[in-house]
Amino acid sequence: MTEKLAGSWVKNNGGKGYKVMEVSDSDMKTTPPVQLEIALKGGKAVCSYGGAIKVSKLNYNYDYKMWATTHDWHHMGSPLTAMMFGRLNFKGPKMEAMEKHGSLRCFPETRQGRARNGSRFLSS
């Protein structure tokens, strides 16, 4: 993912060794959210898992839950701006996210794909 998130951001994980990000498209009611695990590997914050929900109870002191409509995912721009204008709904450590918003800009570029279990997430 990036070296910019390899410091205190990825290490703020409650001692489990990775941060959890649950991501969904609120327009896709029948598609379950996708969960990402972000861990420190080789001096970078990398996505070590992406797929079905494994951690059912998130701790919003260090984990994130994000959702938006299909339209808003495609036209989001900066995550910080999207949060401020209500285009990106968010639960988690808000101050931490605002501090790292520049580093998180890589996230919307990876918004489309398939989880390991084959389910589609954040449709095009």
Protein backbone atom coordinates (compact mmCIF):
# COMPACT_ATOMS: atom_id res chain seq x y z
CA MET A 1 0.00 0.00 0.00
CA THR A 2 2.33 2.74 1.21
CA GLU A 3 5.27 3.63 3.42
CA LYS A 4 3.40 6.74 4.65
CA LEU A 5 1.04 4.57 6.72
CA ALA A 6 3.77 2.28 8.07
CA GLY A 7 4.30 4.26 11.27
CA SER A 8 1.87 4.84 14.11
CA TRP A 9 -1.22 4.43 11.88
CA VAL A 10 -0.75 0.73 11.11
CA LYS A 11 0.65 0.04 14.58
CA ASN A 12 -2.54 1.38 16.21
CA ASN A 13 -4.22 -2.01 15.87
CA GLY A 14 -5.15 -3.10 19.38
CA GLY A 15 -2.27 -5.58 19.53
CA LYS A 16 -3.65 -7.93 16.87
CA GLY A 17 -0.94 -7.06 14.32
CA TYR A 18 -3.23 -5.55 11.67
CA LYS A 19 -5.89 -2.88 11.22
CA VAL A 20 -9.34 -3.85 9.94
CA MET A 21 -11.15 -1.82 7.30
CA GLU A 22 -14.70 -2.86 6.45
CA VAL A 23 -15.84 -1.35 3.16
CA SER A 24 -19.21 -1.45 1.46
CA ASP A 25 -21.40 0.11 -1.18
CA SER A 26 -24.69 1.19 0.37
CA ASP A 27 -26.50 0.82 -2.98
CA MET A 28 -25.68 -2.89 -3.12
CA LYS A 29 -28.03 -4.19 -0.43
CA THR A 30 -27.52 -7.89 -1.25
CA THR A 31 -23.72 -7.74 -1.45
CA PRO A 32 -21.96 -8.17 1.90
CA PRO A 33 -19.20 -5.77 2.94
CA VAL A 34 -15.58 -6.61 2.25
CA GLN A 35 -13.04 -6.65 5.02
CA LEU A 36 -9.44 -5.63 4.51
CA GLU A 37 -6.60 -6.34 6.90
CA ILE A 38 -3.73 -3.85 6.75
CA ALA A 39 -0.47 -5.00 8.33
CA LEU A 40 3.13 -3.83 8.54
CA LYS A 41 5.29 -5.85 6.14
CA GLY A 42 8.71 -4.88 4.84
CA GLY A 43 8.42 -1.35 6.20
CA LYS A 44 5.12 -0.70 4.40
CA ALA A 45 1.46 -0.84 5.33
CA VAL A 46 0.11 -3.57 3.04
CA CYS A 47 -3.24 -5.25 2.56
CA SER A 48 -2.64 -8.76 3.87
CA TYR A 49 -6.26 -9.94 3.43
CA GLY A 50 -9.29 -8.85 1.47
CA GLY A 51 -12.50 -10.82 1.45
CA ALA A 52 -15.39 -11.97 3.57
CA ILE A 53 -15.89 -10.60 7.08
CA LYS A 54 -13.58 -12.34 9.56
CA VAL A 55 -13.73 -9.87 12.45
CA SER A 56 -17.41 -9.39 13.22
CA LYS A 57 -17.03 -6.86 16.05
CA LEU A 58 -14.84 -3.91 15.11
CA ASN A 59 -13.20 -1.75 17.74
CA TYR A 60 -13.55 1.82 16.48
CA ASN A 61 -10.55 2.98 18.53
CA TYR A 62 -8.39 1.52 15.76
CA ASP A 63 -10.58 -0.21 13.13
CA TYR A 64 -12.54 1.45 10.33
CA LYS A 65 -15.91 0.98 8.69
CA MET A 66 -16.59 2.97 5.51
CA TRP A 67 -19.55 3.03 3.17
CA ALA A 68 -20.85 5.19 0.35
CA THR A 69 -23.19 4.96 -2.62
CA THR A 70 -21.87 3.64 -5.92
CA HIS A 71 -21.97 7.16 -7.36
CA ASP A 72 -20.08 8.63 -4.42
CA TRP A 73 -17.35 5.95 -4.54
CA HIS A 74 -16.74 6.86 -8.18
CA HIS A 75 -16.74 10.63 -7.62
CA MET A 76 -15.24 10.84 -4.17
CA GLY A 77 -11.95 12.70 -4.62
CA SER A 78 -10.18 13.14 -1.30
CA PRO A 79 -11.47 10.88 1.52
CA LEU A 80 -11.28 13.82 3.96
CA THR A 81 -13.42 16.03 1.71
CA ALA A 82 -15.85 13.17 1.11
CA MET A 83 -16.23 12.66 4.89
CA MET A 84 -16.77 16.38 5.47
CA PHE A 85 -19.55 16.55 2.85
CA GLY A 86 -21.17 13.25 3.87
CA ARG A 87 -20.29 11.34 0.69
CA LEU A 88 -18.18 8.88 2.66
CA ASN A 89 -19.79 7.49 5.80
CA PHE A 90 -17.26 6.49 8.38
CA LYS A 91 -16.81 4.90 11.80
CA GLY A 92 -13.41 4.68 13.41
CA PRO A 93 -10.67 6.88 14.85
CA LYS A 94 -11.61 10.14 13.10
CA MET A 95 -8.60 12.18 14.28
CA GLU A 96 -6.25 9.46 13.07
CA ALA A 97 -8.01 9.34 9.69
CA MET A 98 -7.94 13.12 9.29
CA GLU A 99 -4.25 13.17 10.16
CA LYS A 100 -3.50 10.56 7.48
CA HIS A 101 -6.03 11.65 4.83
CA GLY A 102 -3.30 12.43 2.27
CA SER A 103 -1.91 8.90 2.60
CA LEU A 104 -5.38 7.39 2.32
CA ARG A 105 -5.90 8.93 -1.12
CA CYS A 106 -4.63 5.67 -2.58
CA PHE A 107 -7.72 3.93 -1.17
CA PRO A 108 -10.41 5.20 -3.62
CA GLU A 109 -8.22 4.12 -6.53
CA THR A 110 -8.55 0.53 -5.29
CA ARG A 111 -12.30 0.68 -4.74
CA GLN A 112 -13.29 -1.90 -7.36
CA GLY A 113 -12.50 -5.56 -7.45
CA ARG A 114 -13.35 -8.98 -6.19
CA ALA A 115 -12.83 -10.44 -2.79
CA ARG A 116 -10.96 -13.70 -2.36
CA ASN A 117 -14.30 -15.49 -2.02
CA GLY A 118 -15.24 -14.22 -5.49
CA SER A 119 -17.93 -11.79 -4.37
CA ARG A 120 -17.87 -8.46 -6.09
CA PHE A 121 -17.46 -5.33 -4.04
CA LEU A 122 -17.87 -1.64 -4.77
CA SER A 123 -19.28 -2.08 -8.23
CA SER A 124 -18.27 -0.20 -11.33
